[in-house]
Amino acid sequence: MSETPHADVLHELRGPCFWITINRPDKRNALNGGVIEGVREGLRRAHADPAVRAIVLTAAGEKAFCAGGDLQPGQAFVFDFASPTTAYAELLREAARATLPIVARVNGTCMAGGMGLLAMADMAVAADHALFGLPEVKIGLFPMQVLSLLKQLVPPRLAREWALTGEPVSAKDALAAGLLNYVVPAAELDAKTQWLLDRLADKSPTAIRRGKYAMNAIAAMSFDEALAYTESQLPLVGMTEDAREGMAAFNEKRKPVWTGR
């Protein structure tokens, strides 16, 4: 395992998967500058390695995935009002541009800014004891940036309820709302996460990379715009080495050997 210089986030390559682990269990894995930069650096490192097929975002311990921003003075809520962007928003932007699939392994409580980390992932597996919520209104704030992602994942009425009441919801309710893919007992969290990773790692990295790019591109398009865009993308995917290999393997009844090109 290789640690980032500040050790607030750990980076580890496990086979074809790059693990990013928030490492502040004593602070309920709350966000500070080091965590935000550590996650951003992890995304960059994963994308710089052509052997990586997926990214896992998780946290140390069993109690908390991320409790949100660190409320201690000088930690998460430090703003440079001369800058039009924030480090947290830049992290969400980088995740939105990611061409590797991101899987959130939610080991415990996920609140406030932690909900943004969860929402920026493509898929999520959670332990059944995890709680979820947007409690910012309880301290006079509001989940401004998180809502930019949540509005694409959960029904508007639920997003409004969560943001306006600040009350937590269970993993079962988060699953029903569409925030999660799977909820399992804590003892099965690693096995279910690995099961999902295995289903990603044996697929064409080229198809996934181009597919994620297309999904992000069409998110804000109308039906006609999205259909026209994807109509133009399909033949381009078909001209890749992976597409030719995949079709040859299908016809020859063998497993494909992906080159990622």
Protein backbone atom coordinates (compact mmCIF):
# COMPACT_ATOMS: atom_id res chain seq x y z
CA MET A 1 0.00 0.00 0.00
CA SER A 2 1.29 3.46 -0.84
CA GLU A 3 0.22 6.42 1.24
CA THR A 4 -0.27 9.97 0.09
CA PRO A 5 2.13 12.39 1.85
CA HIS A 6 -0.55 13.63 4.28
CA ALA A 7 -1.81 10.07 5.00
CA ASP A 8 -5.42 11.28 5.15
CA VAL A 9 -6.07 9.06 2.13
CA LEU A 10 -4.48 5.72 1.23
CA HIS A 11 -3.91 4.51 -2.33
CA GLU A 12 -3.53 0.83 -3.14
CA LEU A 13 -3.46 -1.17 -6.35
CA ARG A 14 -5.22 -4.50 -5.87
CA GLY A 15 -4.95 -6.43 -9.10
CA PRO A 16 -6.77 -4.44 -11.79
CA CYS A 17 -8.53 -2.20 -9.24
CA PHE A 18 -7.26 0.99 -7.63
CA TRP A 19 -8.48 1.53 -4.07
CA ILE A 20 -8.84 5.00 -2.56
CA THR A 21 -9.40 4.82 1.20
CA ILE A 22 -10.21 7.83 3.38
CA ASN A 23 -8.07 7.31 6.46
CA ARG A 24 -9.43 9.46 9.27
CA PRO A 25 -11.49 6.95 11.28
CA ASP A 26 -10.96 8.93 14.50
CA LYS A 27 -12.70 11.86 12.80
CA ARG A 28 -15.41 9.67 11.24
CA ASN A 29 -13.52 10.08 7.95
CA ALA A 30 -14.62 13.70 7.71
CA LEU A 31 -13.55 15.84 4.79
CA ASN A 32 -10.66 18.27 5.08
CA GLY A 33 -8.21 19.63 2.55
CA GLY A 34 -6.01 16.57 2.79
CA VAL A 35 -8.89 14.17 2.13
CA ILE A 36 -10.15 16.13 -0.86
CA GLU A 37 -6.69 16.37 -2.42
CA GLY A 38 -5.95 12.72 -1.61
CA VAL A 39 -9.09 11.52 -3.39
CA ARG A 40 -8.35 13.77 -6.37
CA GLU A 41 -4.79 12.44 -6.56
CA GLY A 42 -6.12 8.89 -6.38
CA LEU A 43 -8.38 9.51 -9.36
CA ARG A 44 -5.43 10.88 -11.31
CA ARG A 45 -3.14 7.99 -10.39
CA ALA A 46 -5.76 5.43 -11.36
CA HIS A 47 -6.32 7.01 -14.76
CA ALA A 48 -2.58 7.26 -15.39
CA ASP A 49 -2.19 3.47 -15.09
CA PRO A 50 -3.43 1.63 -18.21
CA ALA A 51 -3.70 -1.60 -16.22
CA VAL A 52 -6.41 -0.23 -13.92
CA ARG A 53 -9.95 -1.34 -14.75
CA ALA A 54 -11.95 0.16 -11.87
CA ILE A 55 -11.67 2.47 -8.86
CA VAL A 56 -12.96 1.74 -5.37
CA LEU A 57 -13.73 4.63 -3.03
CA THR A 58 -14.09 3.63 0.61
CA ALA A 59 -12.98 4.54 4.13
CA ALA A 60 -11.15 3.06 7.09
CA GLY A 61 -13.05 1.40 9.92
CA GLU A 62 -16.64 0.23 10.13
CA LYS A 63 -18.44 3.23 11.63
CA ALA A 64 -18.26 5.90 8.94
CA PHE A 65 -17.75 6.20 5.21
CA CYS A 66 -17.65 9.99 5.48
CA ALA A 67 -19.45 12.15 8.02
CA GLY A 68 -19.20 15.24 5.80
CA GLY A 69 -17.00 18.27 6.25
CA ASP A 70 -14.74 18.49 9.27
CA LEU A 71 -16.35 21.21 11.39
CA GLN A 72 -13.21 22.01 13.36
CA PRO A 73 -11.85 25.53 12.62
CA GLY A 74 -9.43 25.61 9.72
CA GLN A 75 -10.52 22.26 8.26
CA ALA A 76 -13.24 21.80 5.61
CA PHE A 77 -14.96 25.18 5.62
CA VAL A 78 -12.12 27.42 4.53
CA PHE A 79 -13.01 29.49 1.48
CA ASP A 80 -11.00 31.65 -0.85
CA PHE A 81 -13.64 34.15 -1.95
CA ALA A 82 -11.38 35.37 -4.75
CA SER A 83 -11.63 31.93 -6.40
CA PRO A 84 -14.77 31.04 -8.38
CA THR A 85 -14.39 27.33 -7.51
CA THR A 86 -13.79 25.20 -4.43
CA ALA A 87 -11.57 22.14 -4.05
CA TYR A 88 -14.60 19.95 -3.24
CA ALA A 89 -16.44 21.09 -6.38
CA GLU A 90 -13.31 20.44 -8.42
CA LEU A 91 -13.22 16.91 -7.01
CA LEU A 92 -16.82 16.34 -8.13
CA ARG A 93 -15.96 17.69 -11.57
CA GLU A 94 -12.95 15.38 -11.89
CA ALA A 95 -15.07 12.39 -10.88
CA ALA A 96 -17.70 13.37 -13.46
CA ARG A 97 -14.99 13.32 -16.14
CA ALA A 98 -13.62 9.94 -15.02
CA THR A 99 -13.54 7.27 -17.72
CA LEU A 100 -12.88 4.44 -15.25
CA PRO A 101 -15.89 3.08 -13.35
CA ILE A 102 -15.97 4.18 -9.71
CA VAL A 103 -17.49 1.89 -7.07
CA ALA A 104 -18.29 3.28 -3.63
CA ARG A 105 -17.81 0.76 -0.81
CA VAL A 106 -19.90 2.35 1.93
CA ASN A 107 -18.69 0.89 5.20
CA GLY A 108 -20.72 3.11 7.52
CA THR A 109 -22.41 6.46 8.06
CA CYS A 110 -22.51 8.71 5.00
CA MET A 111 -23.58 12.28 5.61
CA ALA A 112 -23.44 15.75 4.01
CA GLY A 113 -20.33 16.04 1.81
CA GLY A 114 -19.93 12.28 2.10
CA MET A 115 -23.18 11.97 0.15
CA GLY A 116 -21.44 13.83 -2.67
CA LEU A 117 -18.61 11.29 -2.66
CA LEU A 118 -21.19 8.52 -2.81
CA ALA A 119 -23.18 10.21 -5.57
CA MET A 120 -20.11 10.83 -7.73
CA ALA A 121 -19.51 7.07 -7.94
CA ASP A 122 -21.06 5.02 -10.73
CA MET A 123 -22.17 2.23 -8.40
CA ALA A 124 -22.40 1.73 -4.66
CA VAL A 125 -22.43 -1.20 -2.23
CA ALA A 126 -23.31 -0.42 1.38
CA ALA A 127 -23.29 -2.20 4.72
CA ASP A 128 -26.80 -2.54 6.12
CA HIS A 129 -25.98 -0.56 9.28
CA ALA A 130 -25.00 2.57 7.31
CA LEU A 131 -27.07 5.72 7.69
CA PHE A 132 -27.40 8.41 5.03
CA GLY A 133 -28.43 12.03 5.19
CA LEU A 134 -28.05 15.72 4.45
CA PRO A 135 -27.95 17.28 7.94
CA GLU A 136 -26.52 20.65 6.87
CA VAL A 137 -29.69 22.58 7.83
CA LYS A 138 -29.07 21.58 11.43
CA ILE A 139 -25.99 23.82 11.52
CA GLY A 140 -27.33 26.60 9.30
CA LEU A 141 -25.87 25.37 6.02
CA PHE A 142 -27.30 23.65 2.94
CA PRO A 143 -26.03 20.79 0.71
CA MET A 144 -25.57 23.07 -2.29
CA GLN A 145 -22.95 21.14 -4.28
CA VAL A 146 -24.21 17.68 -3.30
CA LEU A 147 -27.64 18.43 -4.76
CA SER A 148 -26.03 18.90 -8.18
CA LEU A 149 -25.43 15.13 -8.19
CA LEU A 150 -28.32 13.87 -6.11
CA LYS A 151 -30.90 15.38 -8.46
CA GLN A 152 -29.80 12.85 -11.08
CA LEU A 153 -30.07 9.86 -8.74
CA VAL A 154 -33.10 10.16 -6.45
CA PRO A 155 -36.67 11.38 -6.95
CA PRO A 156 -37.05 15.15 -6.48
CA ARG A 157 -39.50 14.79 -3.59
CA LEU A 158 -37.04 12.65 -1.65
CA ALA A 159 -34.10 14.94 -2.38
CA ARG A 160 -36.13 17.87 -1.07
CA GLU A 161 -37.19 15.96 2.04
CA TRP A 162 -33.64 14.92 2.83
CA ALA A 163 -32.20 18.41 2.27
CA LEU A 164 -34.97 20.38 4.00
CA THR A 165 -35.46 18.17 7.08
CA GLY A 166 -31.86 17.05 7.53
CA GLU A 167 -33.06 13.75 8.96
CA PRO A 168 -31.13 10.49 8.32
CA VAL A 169 -32.40 7.56 6.28
CA SER A 170 -31.54 3.88 6.52
CA ALA A 171 -29.55 1.87 4.01
CA LYS A 172 -32.76 0.09 3.08
CA ASP A 173 -34.48 3.39 2.28
CA ALA A 174 -31.41 4.68 0.42
CA LEU A 175 -31.48 1.54 -1.72
CA ALA A 176 -35.18 1.98 -2.47
CA ALA A 177 -34.52 5.62 -3.43
CA GLY A 178 -31.94 4.59 -6.04
CA LEU A 179 -28.91 5.90 -4.17
CA LEU A 180 -27.36 2.43 -3.82
CA ASN A 181 -27.01 -0.69 -5.95
CA TYR A 182 -26.72 -3.23 -3.14
CA VAL A 183 -27.08 -3.41 0.64
CA VAL A 184 -25.50 -6.34 2.49
CA PRO A 185 -24.55 -7.29 6.05
CA ALA A 186 -21.22 -5.73 7.06
CA ALA A 187 -19.55 -9.16 7.05
CA GLU A 188 -20.44 -9.52 3.36
CA LEU A 189 -19.42 -6.04 2.22
CA ASP A 190 -16.00 -7.00 0.89
CA ALA A 191 -17.32 -10.06 -0.93
CA LYS A 192 -20.13 -8.13 -2.60
CA THR A 193 -17.78 -5.31 -3.58
CA GLN A 194 -15.35 -7.80 -5.09
CA TRP A 195 -18.20 -9.54 -6.91
CA LEU A 196 -19.11 -6.23 -8.55
CA LEU A 197 -15.48 -5.40 -9.37
CA ASP A 198 -15.00 -8.80 -11.00
CA ARG A 199 -17.98 -8.08 -13.25
CA LEU A 200 -16.28 -4.86 -14.37
CA ALA A 201 -12.68 -6.00 -14.67
CA ASP A 202 -13.32 -8.72 -17.26
CA LYS A 203 -15.13 -6.41 -19.69
CA SER A 204 -13.65 -4.31 -22.48
CA PRO A 205 -11.87 -1.29 -20.95
CA THR A 206 -12.25 0.55 -24.25
CA ALA A 207 -16.01 0.04 -24.35
CA ILE A 208 -16.35 1.12 -20.71
CA ARG A 209 -14.14 4.18 -21.22
CA ARG A 210 -16.00 5.36 -24.30
CA GLY A 211 -19.33 4.37 -22.79
CA LYS A 212 -18.78 6.43 -19.64
CA TYR A 213 -17.75 9.38 -21.77
CA ALA A 214 -20.95 9.08 -23.79
CA MET A 215 -23.18 8.68 -20.72
CA ASN A 216 -21.71 11.84 -19.22
CA ALA A 217 -22.08 13.72 -22.51
CA ILE A 218 -25.77 12.91 -22.97
CA ALA A 219 -26.80 13.58 -19.36
CA ALA A 220 -28.00 17.10 -20.13
CA MET A 221 -29.18 16.45 -23.71
CA SER A 222 -32.73 16.09 -24.98
CA PHE A 223 -33.83 12.72 -26.34
CA ASP A 224 -33.23 13.76 -29.95
CA GLU A 225 -29.82 15.27 -29.13
CA ALA A 226 -28.75 12.20 -27.14
CA LEU A 227 -29.93 9.81 -29.84
CA ALA A 228 -28.08 11.73 -32.56
CA TYR A 229 -24.91 11.86 -30.47
CA THR A 230 -24.91 8.15 -29.58
CA GLU A 231 -25.83 7.29 -33.17
CA SER A 232 -22.53 8.85 -34.22
CA GLN A 233 -20.57 7.18 -31.41
CA LEU A 234 -21.60 3.57 -32.06
CA PRO A 235 -19.62 3.07 -35.30
CA LEU A 236 -16.56 4.65 -33.67
CA VAL A 237 -16.68 2.11 -30.85
CA GLY A 238 -17.07 -0.63 -33.46
CA MET A 239 -13.77 0.37 -35.07
CA THR A 240 -11.71 -0.20 -31.91
CA GLU A 241 -9.42 -3.19 -31.41
CA ASP A 242 -11.48 -4.31 -28.42
CA ALA A 243 -14.67 -4.40 -30.48
CA ARG A 244 -13.02 -6.48 -33.18
CA GLU A 245 -11.56 -8.81 -30.56
CA GLY A 246 -14.88 -9.10 -28.72
CA MET A 247 -16.79 -10.09 -31.85
CA ALA A 248 -14.06 -12.53 -32.91
CA ALA A 249 -14.06 -14.15 -29.47
CA PHE A 250 -17.86 -14.44 -29.54
CA ASN A 251 -17.81 -16.20 -32.91
CA GLU A 252 -14.88 -18.42 -31.90
CA LYS A 253 -16.54 -19.26 -28.57
CA ARG A 254 -13.58 -18.17 -26.44
CA LYS A 255 -12.84 -15.52 -23.83
CA PRO A 256 -11.71 -12.20 -25.33
CA VAL A 257 -8.24 -10.83 -24.70
CA TRP A 258 -8.65 -7.10 -24.24
CA THR A 259 -5.92 -4.66 -25.25
CA GLY A 260 -7.75 -1.54 -24.10
CA ARG A 261 -7.40 -0.03 -27.58
